[in-house]
C-alpha atoms as a PDB file:
ATOM      1  CA  MET A   1      -4.282  26.319   5.132  1.00  0.00           C
ATOM      2  CA  SER A   2      -6.719  29.449   5.445  1.00  0.00           C
ATOM      3  CA  LEU A   3     -10.091  29.345   3.635  1.00  0.00           C
ATOM      4  CA  ARG A   4      -8.691  31.977   1.468  1.00  0.00           C
ATOM      5  CA  THR A   5      -6.062  29.433  -0.142  1.00  0.00           C
ATOM      6  CA  SER A   6      -8.521  26.618  -0.187  1.00  0.00           C
ATOM      7  CA  LEU A   7     -11.124  28.416  -2.223  1.00  0.00           C
ATOM      8  CA  LYS A   8      -8.655  29.708  -4.510  1.00  0.00           C
ATOM      9  CA  ALA A   9      -7.106  26.252  -5.038  1.00  0.00           C
ATOM     10  CA  LEU A  10     -10.510  24.714  -5.410  1.00  0.00           C
ATOM     11  CA  PRO A  11     -11.086  25.416  -9.191  1.00  0.00           C
ATOM     12  CA  THR A  12      -7.794  24.037 -10.083  1.00  0.00           C
ATOM     13  CA  LEU A  13      -8.171  20.767  -8.114  1.00  0.00           C
ATOM     14  CA  LEU A  14     -11.501  20.121  -9.727  1.00  0.00           C
ATOM     15  CA  ARG A  15     -10.111  21.048 -13.181  1.00  0.00           C
ATOM     16  CA  ILE A  16      -7.047  18.394 -12.181  1.00  0.00           C
ATOM     17  CA  GLY A  17      -9.708  15.781 -10.623  1.00  0.00           C
ATOM     18  CA  PHE A  18     -11.995  15.982 -13.934  1.00  0.00           C
ATOM     19  CA  ALA A  19      -8.929  15.417 -16.274  1.00  0.00           C
ATOM     20  CA  GLU A  20      -8.094  12.445 -14.234  1.00  0.00           C
ATOM     21  CA  ALA A  21     -11.407  11.158 -14.247  1.00  0.00           C
ATOM     22  CA  VAL A  22     -11.225  11.160 -18.047  1.00  0.00           C
ATOM     23  CA  ALA A  23      -7.812   9.788 -18.413  1.00  0.00           C
ATOM     24  CA  PHE A  24      -9.199   6.832 -16.123  1.00  0.00           C
ATOM     25  CA  ARG A  25     -12.633   6.761 -17.463  1.00  0.00           C
ATOM     26  CA  ALA A  26     -12.345   2.883 -17.745  1.00  0.00           C
ATOM     27  CA  GLU A  27     -11.821   2.370 -13.799  1.00  0.00           C
ATOM     28  CA  MET A  28     -15.097   4.776 -13.745  1.00  0.00           C
ATOM     29  CA  ILE A  29     -17.093   1.818 -16.082  1.00  0.00           C
ATOM     30  CA  VAL A  30     -15.652  -0.502 -14.102  1.00  0.00           C
ATOM     31  CA  TRP A  31     -17.024   0.929 -10.915  1.00  0.00           C
ATOM     32  CA  VAL A  32     -20.321   1.914 -12.459  1.00  0.00           C
ATOM     33  CA  PHE A  33     -20.706  -1.872 -13.149  1.00  0.00           C
ATOM     34  CA  ALA A  34     -19.822  -2.567  -9.597  1.00  0.00           C
ATOM     35  CA  THR A  35     -23.000  -0.449  -8.369  1.00  0.00           C
ATOM     36  CA  THR A  36     -25.517  -2.178 -10.435  1.00  0.00           C
ATOM     37  CA  MET A  37     -26.984  -3.851  -7.431  1.00  0.00           C
ATOM     38  CA  PRO A  38     -30.545  -1.787  -7.633  1.00  0.00           C
ATOM     39  CA  LEU A  39     -30.983  -2.954 -11.173  1.00  0.00           C
ATOM     40  CA  ILE A  40     -30.413  -6.486 -10.224  1.00  0.00           C
ATOM     41  CA  MET A  41     -32.712  -6.011  -7.163  1.00  0.00           C
ATOM     42  CA  LEU A  42     -35.227  -4.415  -9.829  1.00  0.00           C
ATOM     43  CA  ALA A  43     -35.481  -7.674 -11.608  1.00  0.00           C
ATOM     44  CA  LEU A  44     -35.925  -9.844  -8.417  1.00  0.00           C
ATOM     45  CA  TRP A  45     -38.743  -7.356  -6.966  1.00  0.00           C
ATOM     46  CA  SER A  46     -40.424  -6.847 -10.333  1.00  0.00           C
ATOM     47  CA  ALA A  47     -40.794 -10.718 -10.339  1.00  0.00           C
ATOM     48  CA  VAL A  48     -42.276 -10.697  -6.964  1.00  0.00           C
ATOM     49  CA  ALA A  49     -44.772  -7.563  -7.935  1.00  0.00           C
ATOM     50  CA  ARG A  50     -45.737  -9.210 -10.867  1.00  0.00           C
ATOM     51  CA  THR A  51     -48.426 -11.622  -8.956  1.00  0.00           C
ATOM     52  CA  ALA A  52     -49.403  -8.713  -6.259  1.00  0.00           C
ATOM     53  CA  PRO A  53     -48.051  -5.435  -5.198  1.00  0.00           C
ATOM     54  CA  VAL A  54     -45.837  -5.518  -2.020  1.00  0.00           C
ATOM     55  CA  GLY A  55     -47.395  -2.850  -0.161  1.00  0.00           C
ATOM     56  CA  ARG A  56     -47.576   0.191  -2.181  1.00  0.00           C
ATOM     57  CA  PHE A  57     -45.384  -1.155  -4.475  1.00  0.00           C
ATOM     58  CA  GLY A  58     -46.456  -2.454  -7.818  1.00  0.00           C
ATOM     59  CA  GLN A  59     -43.919  -3.049 -10.824  1.00  0.00           C
ATOM     60  CA  GLY A  60     -44.255   0.850 -11.913  1.00  0.00           C
ATOM     61  CA  GLU A  61     -43.318   1.803  -8.426  1.00  0.00           C
ATOM     62  CA  PHE A  62     -40.195  -0.596  -8.189  1.00  0.00           C
ATOM     63  CA  ILE A  63     -39.178   0.417 -11.608  1.00  0.00           C
ATOM     64  CA  GLY A  64     -39.060   4.208 -10.510  1.00  0.00           C
ATOM     65  CA  TYR A  65     -37.703   3.097  -6.753  1.00  0.00           C
ATOM     66  CA  PHE A  66     -34.901   1.321  -8.179  1.00  0.00           C
ATOM     67  CA  LEU A  67     -33.728   3.011 -11.100  1.00  0.00           C
ATOM     68  CA  ALA A  68     -33.745   6.337  -8.693  1.00  0.00           C
ATOM     69  CA  ALA A  69     -31.399   4.306  -6.967  1.00  0.00           C
ATOM     70  CA  PHE A  70     -29.098   3.678  -9.036  1.00  0.00           C
ATOM     71  CA  CYS A  71     -29.036   7.356 -10.202  1.00  0.00           C
ATOM     72  CA  VAL A  72     -28.654   8.457  -6.548  1.00  0.00           C
ATOM     73  CA  ARG A  73     -25.932   5.982  -5.994  1.00  0.00           C
ATOM     74  CA  GLN A  74     -23.894   7.045  -8.933  1.00  0.00           C
ATOM     75  CA  ILE A  75     -23.841  10.851  -7.288  1.00  0.00           C
ATOM     76  CA  THR A  76     -23.546   9.982  -4.055  1.00  0.00           C
ATOM     77  CA  SER A  77     -20.671   7.402  -4.265  1.00  0.00           C
ATOM     78  CA  CYS A  78     -17.132   8.017  -2.470  1.00  0.00           C
ATOM     79  CA  TRP A  79     -14.315   5.894  -2.045  1.00  0.00           C
ATOM     80  CA  VAL A  80     -11.909   8.279   0.167  1.00  0.00           C
ATOM     81  CA  ALA A  81     -11.866   5.516   2.621  1.00  0.00           C
ATOM     82  CA  TRP A  82     -10.217   3.330   0.759  1.00  0.00           C
ATOM     83  CA  MET A  83      -7.633   6.069  -0.897  1.00  0.00           C
ATOM     84  CA  LEU A  84      -7.194   7.067   2.366  1.00  0.00           C
ATOM     85  CA  SER A  85      -6.384   3.862   4.042  1.00  0.00           C
ATOM     86  CA  TYR A  86      -4.005   2.969   0.869  1.00  0.00           C
ATOM     87  CA  GLU A  87      -2.022   6.129   1.488  1.00  0.00           C
ATOM     88  CA  VAL A  88      -1.595   5.607   5.095  1.00  0.00           C
ATOM     89  CA  LYS A  89      -0.530   2.174   4.576  1.00  0.00           C
ATOM     90  CA  GLN A  90       1.992   3.161   1.813  1.00  0.00           C
ATOM     91  CA  GLY A  91       3.306   6.198   3.453  1.00  0.00           C
ATOM     92  CA  THR A  92       2.512   8.644   0.558  1.00  0.00           C
ATOM     93  CA  LEU A  93      -0.191  10.470   3.157  1.00  0.00           C
ATOM     94  CA  ALA A  94       3.200  12.121   4.493  1.00  0.00           C
ATOM     95  CA  MET A  95       3.561  13.525   0.782  1.00  0.00           C
ATOM     96  CA  ARG A  96       0.213  15.244   0.748  1.00  0.00           C
ATOM     97  CA  LEU A  97       0.405  16.695   4.278  1.00  0.00           C
ATOM     98  CA  LEU A  98       3.589  18.778   2.709  1.00  0.00           C
ATOM     99  CA  ARG A  99       0.952  20.846   0.285  1.00  0.00           C
ATOM    100  CA  PRO A 100      -0.519  23.632   1.490  1.00  0.00           C
ATOM    101  CA  ILE A 101      -4.106  22.344   0.892  1.00  0.00           C
ATOM    102  CA  SER A 102      -5.511  19.720   3.415  1.00  0.00           C
ATOM    103  CA  PRO A 103      -5.591  16.272   1.907  1.00  0.00           C
ATOM    104  CA  LEU A 104      -9.300  16.194   2.447  1.00  0.00           C
ATOM    105  CA  LEU A 105     -10.095  18.750   0.358  1.00  0.00           C
ATOM    106  CA  ALA A 106      -8.057  17.121  -2.277  1.00  0.00           C
ATOM    107  CA  TYR A 107      -9.911  13.970  -1.484  1.00  0.00           C
ATOM    108  CA  ALA A 108     -13.270  15.517  -1.939  1.00  0.00           C
ATOM    109  CA  THR A 109     -12.518  17.619  -4.982  1.00  0.00           C
ATOM    110  CA  ASP A 110     -11.117  14.047  -6.915  1.00  0.00           C
ATOM    111  CA  VAL A 111     -14.890  12.672  -5.632  1.00  0.00           C
ATOM    112  CA  LEU A 112     -16.553  15.394  -6.905  1.00  0.00           C
ATOM    113  CA  ALA A 113     -14.735  16.157 -10.188  1.00  0.00           C
ATOM    114  CA  GLY A 114     -15.999  12.428 -11.660  1.00  0.00           C
ATOM    115  CA  ILE A 115     -19.790  13.412 -10.983  1.00  0.00           C
ATOM    116  CA  PRO A 116     -19.966  14.980 -14.519  1.00  0.00           C
ATOM    117  CA  LEU A 117     -18.749  11.637 -16.168  1.00  0.00           C
ATOM    118  CA  ARG A 118     -21.267   9.438 -13.822  1.00  0.00           C
ATOM    119  CA  LEU A 119     -24.204  12.254 -15.380  1.00  0.00           C
ATOM    120  CA  LEU A 120     -23.936  10.980 -18.334  1.00  0.00           C
ATOM    121  CA  VAL A 121     -24.783   7.373 -17.107  1.00  0.00           C
ATOM    122  CA  VAL A 122     -27.328   8.523 -15.057  1.00  0.00           C
ATOM    123  CA  ALA A 123     -29.418  10.579 -17.903  1.00  0.00           C
ATOM    124  CA  PRO A 124     -30.188   7.708 -19.889  1.00  0.00           C
ATOM    125  CA  VAL A 125     -31.247   5.722 -16.918  1.00  0.00           C
ATOM    126  CA  LEU A 126     -33.342   8.604 -15.808  1.00  0.00           C
ATOM    127  CA  ALA A 127     -35.164   9.043 -19.496  1.00  0.00           C
ATOM    128  CA  ILE A 128     -35.995   5.326 -19.542  1.00  0.00           C
ATOM    129  CA  SER A 129     -37.399   5.811 -16.007  1.00  0.00           C
ATOM    130  CA  LEU A 130     -39.292   8.880 -17.348  1.00  0.00           C
ATOM    131  CA  TYR A 131     -40.494   6.845 -19.967  1.00  0.00           C
ATOM    132  CA  VAL A 132     -41.602   3.448 -17.905  1.00  0.00           C
ATOM    133  CA  VAL A 133     -42.770   5.405 -14.995  1.00  0.00           C
ATOM    134  CA  GLY A 134     -44.140   8.816 -16.273  1.00  0.00           C
ATOM    135  CA  ALA A 135     -44.004  12.007 -14.140  1.00  0.00           C
ATOM    136  CA  LYS A 136     -43.904   9.997 -10.581  1.00  0.00           C
ATOM    137  CA  ALA A 137     -40.121   9.171 -11.536  1.00  0.00           C
ATOM    138  CA  VAL A 138     -39.373  12.613 -10.593  1.00  0.00           C
ATOM    139  CA  PRO A 139     -40.239  15.479  -8.457  1.00  0.00           C
ATOM    140  CA  ALA A 140     -43.397  17.154  -9.448  1.00  0.00           C
ATOM    141  CA  SER A 141     -42.581  20.590  -8.131  1.00  0.00           C
ATOM    142  CA  PRO A 142     -39.946  23.159  -7.947  1.00  0.00           C
ATOM    143  CA  GLY A 143     -39.773  23.021  -4.171  1.00  0.00           C
ATOM    144  CA  GLY A 144     -39.641  18.865  -4.500  1.00  0.00           C
ATOM    145  CA  TRP A 145     -36.868  19.274  -6.639  1.00  0.00           C
ATOM    146  CA  GLY A 146     -35.226  21.758  -4.181  1.00  0.00           C
ATOM    147  CA  LEU A 147     -35.973  19.342  -1.367  1.00  0.00           C
ATOM    148  CA  PHE A 148     -34.343  16.320  -3.256  1.00  0.00           C
ATOM    149  CA  ILE A 149     -31.016  18.135  -4.453  1.00  0.00           C
ATOM    150  CA  LEU A 150     -30.670  18.982  -0.757  1.00  0.00           C
ATOM    151  CA  SER A 151     -31.228  15.428   0.294  1.00  0.00           C
ATOM    152  CA  LEU A 152     -28.598  14.822  -2.457  1.00  0.00           C
ATOM    153  CA  ALA A 153     -26.033  16.929  -1.026  1.00  0.00           C
ATOM    154  CA  GLY A 154     -26.835  15.847   2.592  1.00  0.00           C
ATOM    155  CA  GLY A 155     -26.428  12.059   1.415  1.00  0.00           C
ATOM    156  CA  TRP A 156     -22.991  12.888  -0.249  1.00  0.00           C
ATOM    157  CA  LEU A 157     -21.726  14.532   2.807  1.00  0.00           C
ATOM    158  CA  ILE A 158     -22.520  12.046   5.021  1.00  0.00           C
ATOM    159  CA  THR A 159     -20.728   9.417   2.867  1.00  0.00           C
ATOM    160  CA  PHE A 160     -18.024  11.230   2.600  1.00  0.00           C
ATOM    161  CA  TYR A 161     -17.847  11.971   6.418  1.00  0.00           C
ATOM    162  CA  LEU A 162     -18.203   8.499   6.891  1.00  0.00           C
ATOM    163  CA  ASN A 163     -15.346   7.298   4.597  1.00  0.00           C
ATOM    164  CA  VAL A 164     -12.929  10.094   6.053  1.00  0.00           C
ATOM    165  CA  LEU A 165     -13.936   8.533   9.422  1.00  0.00           C
ATOM    166  CA  LEU A 166     -13.333   5.143   8.438  1.00  0.00           C
ATOM    167  CA  GLY A 167     -10.066   5.725   6.567  1.00  0.00           C
ATOM    168  CA  THR A 168      -8.855   7.839   9.335  1.00  0.00           C
ATOM    169  CA  LEU A 169      -8.655   4.694  11.389  1.00  0.00           C
ATOM    170  CA  SER A 170      -5.981   3.636   9.800  1.00  0.00           C
ATOM    171  CA  LEU A 171      -4.128   5.937  11.571  1.00  0.00           C
ATOM    172  CA  TYR A 172      -4.912   4.344  14.955  1.00  0.00           C
ATOM    173  CA  MET A 173      -4.634   0.486  13.982  1.00  0.00           C
ATOM    174  CA  GLU A 174      -2.959  -1.667  11.556  1.00  0.00           C
ATOM    175  CA  SER A 175      -5.592  -1.843   8.852  1.00  0.00           C
ATOM    176  CA  SER A 176      -9.395  -0.487   9.086  1.00  0.00           C
ATOM    177  CA  GLN A 177     -10.320  -2.824   6.191  1.00  0.00           C
ATOM    178  CA  LYS A 178     -12.500  -4.890   8.377  1.00  0.00           C
ATOM    179  CA  LEU A 179     -14.282  -2.197   9.757  1.00  0.00           C
ATOM    180  CA  MET A 180     -14.987  -0.796   5.879  1.00  0.00           C
ATOM    181  CA  ASP A 181     -16.297  -4.368   4.988  1.00  0.00           C
ATOM    182  CA  ILE A 182     -18.938  -4.019   7.642  1.00  0.00           C
ATOM    183  CA  TYR A 183     -19.694  -0.456   6.860  1.00  0.00           C
ATOM    184  CA  MET A 184     -20.575  -1.803   3.389  1.00  0.00           C
ATOM    185  CA  VAL A 185     -23.017  -4.488   4.472  1.00  0.00           C
ATOM    186  CA  LEU A 186     -24.748  -2.121   6.800  1.00  0.00           C
ATOM    187  CA  PHE A 187     -24.841   0.409   3.830  1.00  0.00           C
ATOM    188  CA  PHE A 188     -26.715  -2.334   1.456  1.00  0.00           C
ATOM    189  CA  VAL A 189     -29.020  -3.595   3.672  1.00  0.00           C
ATOM    190  CA  CYS A 190     -30.073  -0.241   5.999  1.00  0.00           C
ATOM    191  CA  SER A 191     -30.022   2.170   3.275  1.00  0.00           C
ATOM    192  CA  GLY A 192     -32.495   1.392   0.782  1.00  0.00           C
ATOM    193  CA  TYR A 193     -29.903  -0.008  -1.373  1.00  0.00           C
ATOM    194  CA  MET A 194     -31.327  -3.429  -1.689  1.00  0.00           C
ATOM    195  CA  PHE A 195     -35.064  -2.659  -1.018  1.00  0.00           C
ATOM    196  CA  PRO A 196     -37.104   0.075   0.437  1.00  0.00           C
ATOM    197  CA  VAL A 197     -36.701   0.760   4.186  1.00  0.00           C
ATOM    198  CA  GLU A 198     -40.699   0.562   4.677  1.00  0.00           C
ATOM    199  CA  PHE A 199     -40.309  -3.398   4.172  1.00  0.00           C
ATOM    200  CA  PHE A 200     -38.893  -3.372   7.760  1.00  0.00           C
ATOM    201  CA  PRO A 201     -41.006  -4.331  10.618  1.00  0.00           C
ATOM    202  CA  ALA A 202     -41.872  -1.165  12.485  1.00  0.00           C
ATOM    203  CA  GLY A 203     -39.774  -1.740  15.203  1.00  0.00           C
ATOM    204  CA  VAL A 204     -36.685  -2.417  13.135  1.00  0.00           C
ATOM    205  CA  ARG A 205     -37.246   0.627  10.921  1.00  0.00           C
ATOM    206  CA  THR A 206     -37.475   2.381  14.107  1.00  0.00           C
ATOM    207  CA  PHE A 207     -34.097   1.465  15.020  1.00  0.00           C
ATOM    208  CA  ILE A 208     -32.720   1.784  10.958  1.00  0.00           C
ATOM    209  CA  ASP A 209     -34.101   5.445  11.344  1.00  0.00           C
ATOM    210  CA  LEU A 210     -31.384   6.452  14.122  1.00  0.00           C
ATOM    211  CA  LEU A 211     -28.718   5.317  11.898  1.00  0.00           C
ATOM    212  CA  PRO A 212     -26.950   7.170   9.366  1.00  0.00           C
ATOM    213  CA  PHE A 213     -27.090   5.028   6.540  1.00  0.00           C
ATOM    214  CA  ARG A 214     -31.190   6.063   5.321  1.00  0.00           C
ATOM    215  CA  TYR A 215     -29.864   9.559   4.935  1.00  0.00           C
ATOM    216  CA  GLN A 216     -26.943   8.654   2.355  1.00  0.00           C
ATOM    217  CA  MET A 217     -29.379   7.136   0.136  1.00  0.00           C
ATOM    218  CA  GLY A 218     -32.667   6.166   0.991  1.00  0.00           C
ATOM    219  CA  LEU A 219     -34.289   9.817   1.416  1.00  0.00           C
ATOM    220  CA  PRO A 220     -32.909  11.193  -1.590  1.00  0.00           C
ATOM    221  CA  VAL A 221     -34.727   7.967  -3.396  1.00  0.00           C
ATOM    222  CA  GLU A 222     -37.566   8.711  -1.364  1.00  0.00           C
ATOM    223  CA  LEU A 223     -37.701  12.269  -2.247  1.00  0.00           C
ATOM    224  CA  MET A 224     -36.624  11.624  -5.919  1.00  0.00           C
ATOM    225  CA  THR A 225     -40.050   9.644  -6.243  1.00  0.00           C
ATOM    226  CA  GLY A 226     -42.138  11.805  -4.127  1.00  0.00           C
ATOM    227  CA  ALA A 227     -42.822   9.316  -1.409  1.00  0.00           C
ATOM    228  CA  HIS A 228     -43.197  11.989   1.351  1.00  0.00           C
ATOM    229  CA  ALA A 229     -45.542  15.113   2.063  1.00  0.00           C
ATOM    230  CA  THR A 230     -43.394  18.386   2.186  1.00  0.00           C
ATOM    231  CA  GLY A 231     -43.995  18.514   6.242  1.00  0.00           C
ATOM    232  CA  VAL A 232     -42.610  14.726   6.668  1.00  0.00           C
ATOM    233  CA  ALA A 233     -39.730  15.654   3.801  1.00  0.00           C
ATOM    234  CA  LEU A 234     -38.497  18.997   5.829  1.00  0.00           C
ATOM    235  CA  GLY A 235     -38.708  16.389   9.374  1.00  0.00           C
ATOM    236  CA  LEU A 236     -36.482  13.850   7.549  1.00  0.00           C
ATOM    237  CA  LEU A 237     -34.058  16.617   6.085  1.00  0.00           C
ATOM    238  CA  ALA A 238     -33.508  17.837   9.521  1.00  0.00           C
ATOM    239  CA  LYS A 239     -32.957  14.811  10.776  1.00  0.00           C
ATOM    240  CA  GLN A 240     -30.444  14.131   7.836  1.00  0.00           C
ATOM    241  CA  TRP A 241     -28.525  17.452   8.175  1.00  0.00           C
ATOM    242  CA  ALA A 242     -28.441  16.937  11.706  1.00  0.00           C
ATOM    243  CA  TRP A 243     -26.081  13.597  10.699  1.00  0.00           C
ATOM    244  CA  VAL A 244     -24.176  16.139   8.318  1.00  0.00           C
ATOM    245  CA  ALA A 245     -23.405  18.433  11.138  1.00  0.00           C
ATOM    246  CA  GLY A 246     -22.570  15.227  13.883  1.00  0.00           C
ATOM    247  CA  LEU A 247     -20.277  13.583  11.551  1.00  0.00           C
ATOM    248  CA  GLY A 248     -18.543  16.029  10.153  1.00  0.00           C
ATOM    249  CA  ALA A 249     -17.405  17.466  13.953  1.00  0.00           C
ATOM    250  CA  VAL A 250     -16.561  13.736  14.855  1.00  0.00           C
ATOM    251  CA  ALA A 251     -14.507  13.016  11.570  1.00  0.00           C
ATOM    252  CA  MET A 252     -12.748  16.125  11.559  1.00  0.00           C
ATOM    253  CA  LEU A 253     -11.991  15.382  15.299  1.00  0.00           C
ATOM    254  CA  VAL A 254     -10.571  11.980  14.645  1.00  0.00           C
ATOM    255  CA  TRP A 255      -8.839  12.965  11.564  1.00  0.00           C
ATOM    256  CA  ARG A 256      -7.170  16.014  13.612  1.00  0.00           C
ATOM    257  CA  ARG A 257      -5.963  13.513  16.223  1.00  0.00           C
ATOM    258  CA  GLY A 258      -5.011  10.956  14.069  1.00  0.00           C
ATOM    259  CA  LEU A 259      -2.532  13.383  12.126  1.00  0.00           C
ATOM    260  CA  ALA A 260      -0.933  14.393  15.843  1.00  0.00           C
ATOM    261  CA  ARG A 261      -0.462  10.525  16.095  1.00  0.00           C
ATOM    262  CA  PHE A 262       1.060   9.985  12.559  1.00  0.00           C
ATOM    263  CA  ALA A 263       3.267  13.125  13.011  1.00  0.00           C
ATOM    264  CA  ALA A 264       4.630  11.791  16.531  1.00  0.00           C
ATOM    265  CA  PHE A 265       5.548   8.657  14.904  1.00  0.00           C
ATOM    266  CA  GLY A 266       7.376  10.606  12.479  1.00  0.00           C
ATOM    267  CA  GLY A 267       4.776  10.055   9.376  1.00  0.00           C
END
């Protein structure tokens, strides 16, 4: 598959993916309801902060943080691991491999095409955050918006490559479901999804900063709510995009070797 072929096919794939997202909008609504953990944690931490602030977080800061977490989660969500694992188990991956387009490109466009519909969910939540929290709910400058958007793209790519890596492991073992369950637990705890990563003790946080999970979600949320000065933000973005490059290389290597193994056994 050439780059030119992929670029020519991309608009068509996105149109098809968007049409499918509209057709299966009820499924999208179910997924949205399944990602409301930040709203639950908002209620819990706001109750805690009612008596006294938790670090730098009062009730207003918790509202801004968890509503931002909800918005970021909607945009960076990815379910490629489950799609890939299912298609390997059912044997339908073999049919995808007969097409002139990489299955990974098809999976990526399926996910990206649903983002416009997700933005319809994000918009009112962001409006509520602006009304309650004020200007601190979003970046304060064009440069801040640029850093946030860059972190959002990096978070999506890390999530996508981790999904590809986990899903591809189905080509090496009977099922990678248990590994996906472990991944979800680590994501919930270490990404800033259930509480800000700065709540961890210093030693634990140093370890958390070496893992990819914070850069999937915590960093975009922190940049959206203005938690870092520009210099610190740039340093964190450099770490995030190092993870993007590293995970991308590993995922592609495991994918190619997995396909060779898949073909060797006849698909």
